């Protein structure tokens, strides 16, 4: 009989800890090897920030896939509460956007010799646009959900408080990320990619073997768990589709595009990654459904973890735990690094000439701020993703995409007015007392509508352009 709450330490044997330690050691060894083996570019800063733009197809796929799943406990929470709604909102919507990015965006951004997304915005629109984009990017890339995930993980493993787990885990991640830069992120992602994919697969295989297939799930889950909307409203479901559009301007996507050897590597890499994401999402959704069926009274964010630890045999428990840690760390280190890039390169570059040093300092500042913000959102993954994702997407998506469609038609000032006005209107909509009907309209839709109205109304009159010279690194 499985338990809904347990002390993980009592379930782990010496063999499990050995497997866990070997995976961590291999991750660190590969990161060290990558840092010393790879040839350095002529620019130390470019080498630190983008690996000298030498990212190959295998490395591109491994780091892109690994970066995308740090909120594993959030995904488990959504599946536990709403069923296959998770696969729709966190899977299908996103696959469509990935393909749009590969076929329509990659060639457009390849024309710019940019380093970050805000740097691209500065190339396209002007210096004000670059700073505004940097502010939104900084808060969007704050790894709040992933710092929280790491805190929960260490809480379940070691029994320490979630806050202590966030601080200790984030400090460790900052140390090795600051030391190796983007290379440390990429090469650690290689090991984490294989471990995380294998760990979620074995949970599904053992679940099928022990409990059976769809018949078992239907007999032990609410009917709404097999509904595409999960018992929520259609409007609530569709907002995730719009949030998925944020991928078209996602800083982690752009970072890897800027670091890749060629646009061809990027296109092929995204297509391969999408297939892997599809398989991975099936595994996490199915595994979480089994966890809900077997442990219906467990905490939603913890159920999948506790279920899997009790399900798997000796040795594989340790491998699974290493896989969950890999999922979290692979996203946390990437988000920390991009957020610190935004702070040091895009916002403070004029004040601190040593980009590498300022980036390393920024890493620790971003980590601490993320831990504090996790408390502000009451440890809710869904609230974190909806809030940060809504502001970033609603305020930047329309002006950047229109900049691709209508090059040189949107001025620096127009971009700035559009983004900031949308943020203000969204905030006002959130705090106003609204009637029942208006409460069903998320502030995200209001922000997008505001941005579109400003851009479409003013665009014909704004024909100025700003041409920025290539970034000197």
Protein backbone atom coordinates (compact mmCIF):
# COMPACT_ATOMS: atom_id res chain seq x y z
CA UNK A 1 0.00 0.00 0.00
CA UNK A 2 1.57 3.28 -1.10
CA UNK A 3 1.67 6.27 1.23
CA UNK A 4 0.66 9.82 0.30
CA UNK A 5 3.38 11.30 2.49
CA UNK A 6 6.67 9.70 3.38
CA UNK A 7 10.23 10.36 4.46
CA UNK A 8 12.26 9.80 1.32
CA UNK A 9 15.44 9.01 3.25
CA UNK A 10 13.84 5.87 4.66
CA UNK A 11 13.19 4.56 1.12
CA UNK A 12 16.68 5.06 -0.26
CA UNK A 13 19.38 2.41 0.07
CA UNK A 14 23.14 2.72 -0.31
CA UNK A 15 22.74 1.56 -3.92
CA UNK A 16 20.30 4.41 -4.62
CA UNK A 17 22.65 6.99 -3.14
CA UNK A 18 25.53 5.56 -5.15
CA UNK A 19 23.60 5.85 -8.41
CA UNK A 20 22.49 9.37 -7.46
CA UNK A 21 26.07 10.43 -6.66
CA UNK A 22 27.44 8.90 -9.87
CA UNK A 23 24.97 10.87 -11.99
CA UNK A 24 25.88 14.13 -10.25
CA UNK A 25 29.59 13.37 -10.58
CA UNK A 26 29.18 12.60 -14.29
CA UNK A 27 27.31 15.86 -14.80
CA UNK A 28 30.06 17.86 -13.13
CA UNK A 29 32.79 15.96 -15.00
CA UNK A 30 31.19 16.61 -18.39
CA UNK A 31 30.76 20.30 -17.56
CA UNK A 32 34.44 20.50 -16.61
CA UNK A 33 35.47 18.64 -19.75
CA UNK A 34 33.41 20.94 -21.95
CA UNK A 35 34.91 24.05 -20.44
CA UNK A 36 38.51 22.96 -20.99
CA UNK A 37 38.06 21.01 -24.22
CA UNK A 38 36.20 23.58 -26.30
CA UNK A 39 38.29 26.11 -28.21
CA UNK A 40 37.86 29.64 -27.06
CA UNK A 41 36.77 32.35 -29.48
CA UNK A 42 38.73 35.55 -29.92
CA UNK A 43 36.34 37.31 -27.54
CA UNK A 44 36.28 36.12 -23.95
CA UNK A 45 32.87 37.72 -23.39
CA UNK A 46 31.34 36.09 -26.49
CA UNK A 47 32.81 32.76 -25.45
CA UNK A 48 31.34 33.12 -21.96
CA UNK A 49 27.90 34.32 -23.10
CA UNK A 50 27.33 32.26 -26.29
CA UNK A 51 30.09 29.64 -26.45
CA UNK A 52 31.65 31.59 -29.29
CA UNK A 53 28.60 30.88 -31.50
CA UNK A 54 29.82 27.30 -32.03
CA UNK A 55 26.81 25.31 -30.78
CA UNK A 56 26.45 22.12 -32.87
CA UNK A 57 23.24 20.19 -33.62
CA UNK A 58 23.58 17.50 -30.89
CA UNK A 59 24.46 20.09 -28.25
CA UNK A 60 21.68 22.40 -29.48
CA UNK A 61 19.05 19.66 -29.12
CA UNK A 62 20.29 18.49 -25.71
CA UNK A 63 20.41 21.94 -24.16
CA UNK A 64 17.14 23.15 -25.70
CA UNK A 65 15.17 20.08 -24.59
CA UNK A 66 16.70 20.01 -21.12
CA UNK A 67 16.03 23.70 -20.52
CA UNK A 68 12.30 23.42 -21.10
CA UNK A 69 11.20 21.21 -18.18
CA UNK A 70 12.44 22.66 -14.92
CA UNK A 71 8.91 23.13 -13.60
CA UNK A 72 8.33 19.39 -13.31
CA UNK A 73 6.45 19.75 -10.00
CA UNK A 74 4.23 22.40 -11.59
CA UNK A 75 3.41 20.07 -14.50
CA UNK A 76 2.67 17.28 -12.01
CA UNK A 77 0.43 19.63 -10.05
CA UNK A 78 -1.60 20.58 -13.13
CA UNK A 79 -2.00 16.95 -14.23
CA UNK A 80 -2.97 15.85 -10.71
CA UNK A 81 -5.73 18.49 -10.57
CA UNK A 82 -6.90 18.61 -14.20
CA UNK A 83 -5.69 15.46 -16.01
CA UNK A 84 -4.85 15.54 -19.73
CA UNK A 85 -5.60 19.26 -19.68
CA UNK A 86 -1.88 19.44 -18.85
CA UNK A 87 -0.92 17.80 -22.14
CA UNK A 88 -3.07 20.32 -24.03
CA UNK A 89 -1.92 23.45 -22.20
CA UNK A 90 1.72 22.49 -21.63
CA UNK A 91 2.19 20.39 -24.76
CA UNK A 92 0.04 20.73 -27.89
CA UNK A 93 -0.14 24.53 -27.87
CA UNK A 94 3.64 24.68 -27.55
CA UNK A 95 4.41 22.22 -30.35
CA UNK A 96 2.51 24.39 -32.81
CA UNK A 97 4.49 27.44 -31.73
CA UNK A 98 7.82 25.58 -31.97
CA UNK A 99 7.11 24.81 -35.62
CA UNK A 100 6.13 28.42 -36.32
CA UNK A 101 9.42 29.52 -34.78
CA UNK A 102 11.45 27.08 -36.86
CA UNK A 103 9.86 27.96 -40.20
CA UNK A 104 9.10 31.67 -39.85
CA UNK A 105 11.32 33.24 -37.17
CA UNK A 106 14.75 31.61 -37.42
CA UNK A 107 15.76 33.20 -40.74
CA UNK A 108 14.59 36.63 -39.58
CA UNK A 109 16.69 36.71 -36.42
CA UNK A 110 19.70 35.28 -38.28
CA UNK A 111 20.07 38.65 -40.02
CA UNK A 112 21.06 40.33 -36.76
CA UNK A 113 24.37 39.83 -35.02
CA UNK A 114 22.74 39.93 -31.59
CA UNK A 115 23.71 38.47 -28.24
CA UNK A 116 20.41 38.58 -26.32
CA UNK A 117 16.73 39.19 -27.05
CA UNK A 118 16.86 42.77 -25.70
CA UNK A 119 19.98 43.31 -27.82
CA UNK A 120 17.94 42.15 -30.83
CA UNK A 121 15.15 44.58 -29.91
CA UNK A 122 17.74 47.37 -29.79
CA UNK A 123 19.00 46.39 -33.24
CA UNK A 124 15.46 46.36 -34.63
CA UNK A 125 13.88 49.39 -32.94
CA UNK A 126 16.31 51.44 -30.89
CA UNK A 127 17.97 51.88 -27.47
CA UNK A 128 14.75 52.57 -25.53
CA UNK A 129 13.17 49.42 -26.91
CA UNK A 130 16.23 47.47 -25.86
CA UNK A 131 16.00 48.70 -22.27
CA UNK A 132 12.25 48.09 -22.05
CA UNK A 133 12.63 44.60 -23.50
CA UNK A 134 15.42 43.98 -21.00
CA UNK A 135 13.21 44.89 -18.04
CA UNK A 136 10.43 42.54 -19.12
CA UNK A 137 12.95 39.81 -19.97
CA UNK A 138 14.63 40.09 -16.59
CA UNK A 139 11.43 39.42 -14.67
CA UNK A 140 10.20 36.79 -17.13
CA UNK A 141 13.47 34.86 -16.86
CA UNK A 142 13.61 35.08 -13.09
CA UNK A 143 13.71 31.35 -12.29
CA UNK A 144 11.11 31.67 -9.53
CA UNK A 145 9.28 28.42 -10.30
CA UNK A 146 12.54 26.49 -10.67
CA UNK A 147 14.08 27.82 -7.46
CA UNK A 148 10.84 26.77 -5.76
CA UNK A 149 11.03 23.34 -7.43
CA UNK A 150 14.57 22.88 -6.16
CA UNK A 151 13.49 23.91 -2.67
CA UNK A 152 10.65 21.38 -2.72
CA UNK A 153 13.00 18.68 -4.01
CA UNK A 154 15.54 19.19 -1.21
CA UNK A 155 12.72 19.45 1.31
CA UNK A 156 11.42 16.01 0.27
CA UNK A 157 14.89 14.45 0.09
CA UNK A 158 16.66 15.94 3.10
CA UNK A 159 13.77 17.12 5.25
CA UNK A 160 15.02 20.72 5.41
CA UNK A 161 12.60 23.62 4.96
CA UNK A 162 11.62 24.70 1.45
CA UNK A 163 13.23 28.10 2.04
CA UNK A 164 16.52 26.51 3.13
CA UNK A 165 16.35 24.19 0.11
CA UNK A 166 15.89 27.15 -2.23
CA UNK A 167 18.87 29.02 -0.79
CA UNK A 168 21.26 26.04 -0.66
CA UNK A 169 20.27 24.65 -4.07
CA UNK A 170 20.36 28.02 -5.81
CA UNK A 171 23.76 28.88 -4.32
CA UNK A 172 25.20 25.61 -5.65
CA UNK A 173 23.72 26.22 -9.10
CA UNK A 174 25.04 29.79 -9.19
CA UNK A 175 28.55 28.64 -8.31
CA UNK A 176 29.04 26.20 -11.19
CA UNK A 177 27.11 28.34 -13.69
CA UNK A 178 29.13 31.46 -12.86
CA UNK A 179 32.36 29.52 -13.17
CA UNK A 180 31.79 28.08 -16.65
CA UNK A 181 29.23 30.39 -18.26
CA UNK A 182 27.16 29.13 -21.18
CA UNK A 183 29.54 26.19 -21.70
CA UNK A 184 28.80 24.93 -18.19
CA UNK A 185 25.08 25.22 -18.93
CA UNK A 186 25.29 23.38 -22.26
CA UNK A 187 27.58 20.52 -21.27
CA UNK A 188 25.79 19.84 -17.99
CA UNK A 189 22.57 19.78 -20.02
CA UNK A 190 23.92 16.90 -22.12
CA UNK A 191 24.01 14.52 -19.17
CA UNK A 192 20.82 15.93 -17.69
CA UNK A 193 19.03 15.45 -21.02
CA UNK A 194 19.66 11.69 -21.08
CA UNK A 195 18.97 11.19 -17.37
CA UNK A 196 15.69 13.14 -17.31
CA UNK A 197 14.27 11.45 -20.41
CA UNK A 198 15.14 7.97 -19.17
CA UNK A 199 13.82 8.57 -15.65
CA UNK A 200 10.30 9.61 -16.73
CA UNK A 201 10.13 6.72 -19.20
CA UNK A 202 10.88 4.06 -16.60
CA UNK A 203 8.08 5.38 -14.37
CA UNK A 204 5.57 4.86 -17.19
CA UNK A 205 6.88 1.37 -17.99
CA UNK A 206 6.73 0.19 -14.38
CA UNK A 207 3.27 1.76 -13.94
CA UNK A 208 1.90 -0.10 -16.95
CA UNK A 209 3.47 -3.34 -15.76
CA UNK A 210 2.14 -3.13 -12.19
CA UNK A 211 -1.25 -1.44 -12.54
CA UNK A 212 -2.26 -1.97 -16.14
CA UNK A 213 -3.27 0.58 -18.75
CA UNK A 214 -6.20 2.85 -19.57
CA UNK A 215 -8.80 0.67 -17.85
CA UNK A 216 -7.10 1.18 -14.49
CA UNK A 217 -6.83 4.94 -14.97
CA UNK A 218 -10.47 5.37 -16.02
CA UNK A 219 -11.62 3.37 -13.01
CA UNK A 220 -9.62 5.49 -10.56
CA UNK A 221 -9.73 9.02 -11.97
CA UNK A 222 -12.50 11.64 -12.28
CA UNK A 223 -14.10 11.84 -15.72
CA UNK A 224 -12.93 15.45 -16.08
CA UNK A 225 -9.33 14.21 -16.08
CA UNK A 226 -9.94 12.91 -19.60
CA UNK A 227 -11.45 16.18 -20.81
CA UNK A 228 -9.34 18.54 -22.93
CA UNK A 229 -10.38 21.47 -20.72
CA UNK A 230 -10.01 19.54 -17.46
CA UNK A 231 -13.30 20.88 -16.16
CA UNK A 232 -12.20 24.51 -16.58
CA UNK A 233 -13.56 27.03 -19.06
CA UNK A 234 -12.53 27.17 -22.70
CA UNK A 235 -11.26 30.71 -22.18
CA UNK A 236 -9.07 29.51 -19.32
CA UNK A 237 -7.67 26.79 -21.55
CA UNK A 238 -7.02 29.06 -24.52
CA UNK A 239 -4.97 31.52 -22.50
CA UNK A 240 -2.24 28.88 -22.32
CA UNK A 241 -2.21 28.86 -26.11
CA UNK A 242 -1.50 32.58 -26.12
CA UNK A 243 1.12 32.20 -23.40
CA UNK A 244 2.75 29.51 -25.54
CA UNK A 245 3.18 32.20 -28.19
CA UNK A 246 5.79 33.65 -25.85
CA UNK A 247 8.09 31.01 -27.34
CA UNK A 248 8.28 33.22 -30.43
CA UNK A 249 10.13 35.73 -28.28
CA UNK A 250 11.47 33.36 -25.60
CA UNK A 251 14.96 34.44 -24.45
CA UNK A 252 16.22 30.86 -23.98
CA UNK A 253 15.22 29.99 -27.56
CA UNK A 254 16.92 33.11 -28.85
CA UNK A 255 20.06 32.49 -26.78
CA UNK A 256 20.53 29.08 -28.39
CA UNK A 257 19.77 30.48 -31.84
CA UNK A 258 22.42 33.17 -31.37
CA UNK A 259 24.88 30.52 -30.12
CA UNK A 260 24.25 27.99 -32.95
CA UNK A 261 26.72 27.58 -35.79
CA UNK A 262 24.07 28.26 -38.46
CA UNK A 263 20.31 28.75 -39.05
CA UNK A 264 20.23 25.21 -40.47
CA UNK A 265 21.36 23.84 -37.11
CA UNK A 266 18.58 25.80 -35.40
CA UNK A 267 15.79 24.59 -37.71
CA UNK A 268 16.80 20.94 -37.56
CA UNK A 269 17.36 21.20 -33.82
CA UNK A 270 13.89 22.61 -33.12
CA UNK A 271 12.18 19.90 -35.21
CA UNK A 272 14.09 17.12 -33.43
CA UNK A 273 13.46 18.75 -30.05
CA UNK A 274 9.72 18.99 -30.72
CA UNK A 275 9.52 15.23 -31.29
CA UNK A 276 11.41 14.60 -28.05
CA UNK A 277 9.20 17.06 -26.15
CA UNK A 278 6.11 15.24 -27.42
CA UNK A 279 7.37 11.92 -26.05
CA UNK A 280 8.51 13.51 -22.79
CA UNK A 281 5.14 15.20 -22.20
CA UNK A 282 3.32 11.91 -22.73
CA UNK A 283 5.53 10.28 -20.10
CA UNK A 284 5.12 13.03 -17.49
CA UNK A 285 1.36 13.29 -18.05
CA UNK A 286 0.78 9.53 -17.90
CA UNK A 287 3.03 9.17 -14.86
CA UNK A 288 1.19 11.93 -13.04
CA UNK A 289 -2.18 10.36 -13.87
CA UNK A 290 -1.03 7.14 -12.24
CA UNK A 291 0.14 9.12 -9.23
CA UNK A 292 -3.31 10.75 -8.95
CA UNK A 293 -5.04 7.37 -9.31
CA UNK A 294 -2.88 5.61 -6.70
CA UNK A 295 -2.35 8.53 -4.27
CA UNK A 296 -5.53 10.65 -4.57
CA UNK A 297 -5.00 12.31 -1.17
CA UNK A 298 -1.39 13.39 -1.73
CA UNK A 299 -0.33 16.97 -2.24
CA UNK A 300 -0.65 17.66 -6.01
CA UNK A 301 2.92 18.92 -6.48
CA UNK A 302 4.42 16.01 -4.49
CA UNK A 303 2.28 13.05 -5.60
CA UNK A 304 4.28 12.06 -8.71
CA UNK A 305 7.55 12.13 -6.79
CA UNK A 306 6.30 10.08 -3.84
CA UNK A 307 4.54 7.65 -6.15
CA UNK A 308 7.62 7.04 -8.28
CA UNK A 309 9.95 6.53 -5.32
CA UNK A 310 7.62 3.82 -3.96
CA UNK A 311 7.06 2.31 -7.40
CA UNK A 312 10.63 1.77 -8.58
CA UNK A 313 13.06 -0.92 -7.39
CA UNK A 314 16.38 -0.36 -5.60
CA UNK A 315 18.91 1.45 -7.78
CA UNK A 316 16.31 2.92 -10.08
CA UNK A 317 14.98 5.01 -7.21
CA UNK A 318 18.33 6.77 -7.07
CA UNK A 319 18.38 7.16 -10.83
CA UNK A 320 14.86 8.62 -10.82
CA UNK A 321 15.73 11.12 -8.09
CA UNK A 322 18.80 12.14 -10.07
CA UNK A 323 16.52 12.55 -13.09
CA UNK A 324 14.14 14.87 -11.23
CA UNK A 325 17.10 16.93 -10.02
CA UNK A 326 18.45 17.03 -13.58
CA UNK A 327 15.10 18.34 -14.86
CA UNK A 328 15.15 21.16 -12.33
CA UNK A 329 18.83 22.11 -12.60
CA UNK A 330 18.90 22.08 -16.40
CA UNK A 331 16.27 24.83 -16.48
CA UNK A 332 17.36 26.68 -13.37
CA UNK A 333 20.94 27.20 -14.54
CA UNK A 334 19.77 28.38 -17.96
CA UNK A 335 17.22 30.84 -16.60
CA UNK A 336 19.70 32.13 -14.02
CA UNK A 337 22.28 32.66 -16.72
CA UNK A 338 19.92 34.44 -19.11
CA UNK A 339 18.50 36.67 -16.37
CA UNK A 340 22.02 37.58 -15.27
CA UNK A 341 22.95 38.29 -18.92
CA UNK A 342 19.98 40.63 -19.14
CA UNK A 343 20.98 42.46 -15.99
CA UNK A 344 24.71 42.70 -16.69
CA UNK A 345 24.83 42.95 -20.50
CA UNK A 346 21.56 44.69 -21.43
CA UNK A 347 20.91 46.93 -18.43
CA UNK A 348 24.30 47.62 -16.80
CA UNK A 349 26.72 47.23 -19.71
CA UNK A 350 27.49 50.95 -19.87
CA UNK A 351 28.46 51.04 -16.18
CA UNK A 352 30.48 47.83 -15.93
CA UNK A 353 32.91 47.16 -18.76
CA UNK A 354 33.91 43.70 -17.50
CA UNK A 355 30.86 41.80 -18.74
CA UNK A 356 32.01 38.41 -17.43
CA UNK A 357 32.58 39.68 -13.89
CA UNK A 358 29.32 41.65 -13.76
CA UNK A 359 27.48 38.60 -15.10
CA UNK A 360 28.86 36.42 -12.32
CA UNK A 361 27.82 38.91 -9.66
CA UNK A 362 24.39 39.26 -11.28
CA UNK A 363 23.87 35.48 -11.09
CA UNK A 364 23.82 35.55 -7.29
CA UNK A 365 21.60 38.63 -7.16
CA UNK A 366 19.08 37.03 -9.51
CA UNK A 367 19.12 33.80 -7.50
CA UNK A 368 18.40 35.59 -4.23
CA UNK A 369 15.63 37.72 -5.75
CA UNK A 370 14.01 34.61 -7.29
CA UNK A 371 13.88 32.89 -3.89
CA UNK A 372 12.20 35.96 -2.40
CA UNK A 373 9.65 36.17 -5.23
CA UNK A 374 8.70 32.51 -4.70
CA UNK A 375 7.42 33.53 -1.27
CA UNK A 376 5.47 36.43 -2.79
CA UNK A 377 3.55 34.04 -5.09
CA UNK A 378 2.67 31.77 -2.13
CA UNK A 379 4.59 28.88 -3.71
CA UNK A 380 2.00 28.47 -6.50
CA UNK A 381 3.53 27.26 -9.78
CA UNK A 382 0.45 28.08 -11.82
CA UNK A 383 0.29 31.63 -10.46
CA UNK A 384 4.01 32.19 -11.11
CA UNK A 385 3.80 31.02 -14.72
CA UNK A 386 0.56 32.85 -15.49
CA UNK A 387 1.69 36.15 -13.98
CA UNK A 388 5.25 36.38 -15.35
CA UNK A 389 4.31 34.76 -18.67
CA UNK A 390 1.27 37.00 -19.17
CA UNK A 391 3.13 40.28 -18.73
CA UNK A 392 6.07 39.25 -20.89
CA UNK A 393 3.92 37.88 -23.73
CA UNK A 394 1.25 40.56 -23.73
CA UNK A 395 3.70 43.46 -23.69
CA UNK A 396 6.45 42.27 -26.05
CA UNK A 397 4.92 39.73 -28.41
CA UNK A 398 2.96 42.07 -30.69
CA UNK A 399 5.64 44.77 -31.20
CA UNK A 400 8.46 42.28 -31.87
CA UNK A 401 6.40 40.16 -34.28
CA UNK A 402 5.19 43.26 -36.08
CA UNK A 403 8.81 44.35 -36.28
CA UNK A 404 9.49 41.17 -38.26
CA UNK A 405 6.46 41.69 -40.50
CA UNK A 406 6.94 45.44 -41.01
CA UNK A 407 10.69 46.11 -40.75
CA UNK A 408 11.60 49.71 -39.89
CA UNK A 409 7.94 50.71 -39.55
CA UNK A 410 7.81 50.68 -35.74
CA UNK A 411 9.87 53.40 -34.08
CA UNK A 412 11.79 53.20 -30.85
CA UNK A 413 9.23 55.40 -29.08
CA UNK A 414 6.25 53.47 -30.42
CA UNK A 415 7.67 50.16 -29.19
CA UNK A 416 8.28 51.69 -25.76
CA UNK A 417 4.81 53.24 -25.50
CA UNK A 418 3.11 50.04 -26.62
CA UNK A 419 4.92 47.79 -24.13
CA UNK A 420 4.68 50.06 -21.10
CA UNK A 421 1.05 51.05 -21.70
CA UNK A 422 0.07 47.40 -21.97
CA UNK A 423 1.74 46.66 -18.64
CA UNK A 424 -0.05 49.54 -16.93
CA UNK A 425 -3.45 48.58 -18.35
CA UNK A 426 -2.94 44.94 -17.32
CA UNK A 427 -2.07 45.96 -13.77
CA UNK A 428 -5.09 48.25 -13.49
CA UNK A 429 -7.34 45.47 -14.82
CA UNK A 430 -5.97 43.10 -12.17
CA UNK A 431 -6.70 45.42 -9.22
CA UNK A 432 -10.05 46.86 -10.35
CA UNK A 433 -13.23 45.38 -8.80
CA UNK A 434 -14.88 43.67 -11.78
CA UNK A 435 -18.26 42.03 -12.24
CA UNK A 436 -18.57 38.28 -12.80
CA UNK A 437 -18.46 38.54 -16.60
CA UNK A 438 -15.37 40.77 -16.74
CA UNK A 439 -13.56 38.61 -14.21
CA UNK A 440 -13.61 35.82 -16.81
CA UNK A 441 -11.45 37.98 -19.11
CA UNK A 442 -7.84 37.55 -18.08
CA UNK A 443 -5.63 40.63 -17.96
CA UNK A 444 -3.44 38.98 -20.58
CA UNK A 445 -6.10 39.51 -23.25
CA UNK A 446 -6.47 43.15 -22.20
CA UNK A 447 -2.72 43.68 -22.48
CA UNK A 448 -2.49 42.14 -25.96
CA UNK A 449 -5.50 44.14 -27.15
CA UNK A 450 -3.98 47.36 -25.83
CA UNK A 451 -0.68 46.67 -27.55
CA UNK A 452 -2.35 45.84 -30.87
CA UNK A 453 -4.53 48.94 -30.83
CA UNK A 454 -1.54 51.23 -30.20
CA UNK A 455 0.61 49.57 -32.87
CA UNK A 456 -2.08 49.36 -35.55
CA UNK A 457 -3.38 52.85 -34.93
CA UNK A 458 0.02 54.54 -34.86
CA UNK A 459 2.06 52.38 -37.26
CA UNK A 460 1.33 54.21 -40.54
CA UNK A 461 2.55 57.45 -39.02
CA UNK A 462 5.72 55.94 -37.56
CA UNK A 463 8.33 55.23 -40.21
CA UNK A 464 11.52 56.00 -38.39
CA UNK A 465 14.23 53.38 -38.04
CA UNK A 466 17.22 52.80 -35.89
CA UNK A 467 20.29 50.98 -37.09
CA UNK A 468 22.62 49.71 -34.41
CA UNK A 469 26.12 48.64 -35.21
CA UNK A 470 27.12 45.07 -34.43
CA UNK A 471 27.74 44.50 -30.77
CA UNK A 472 31.40 44.76 -29.98
CA UNK A 473 32.37 41.91 -27.65
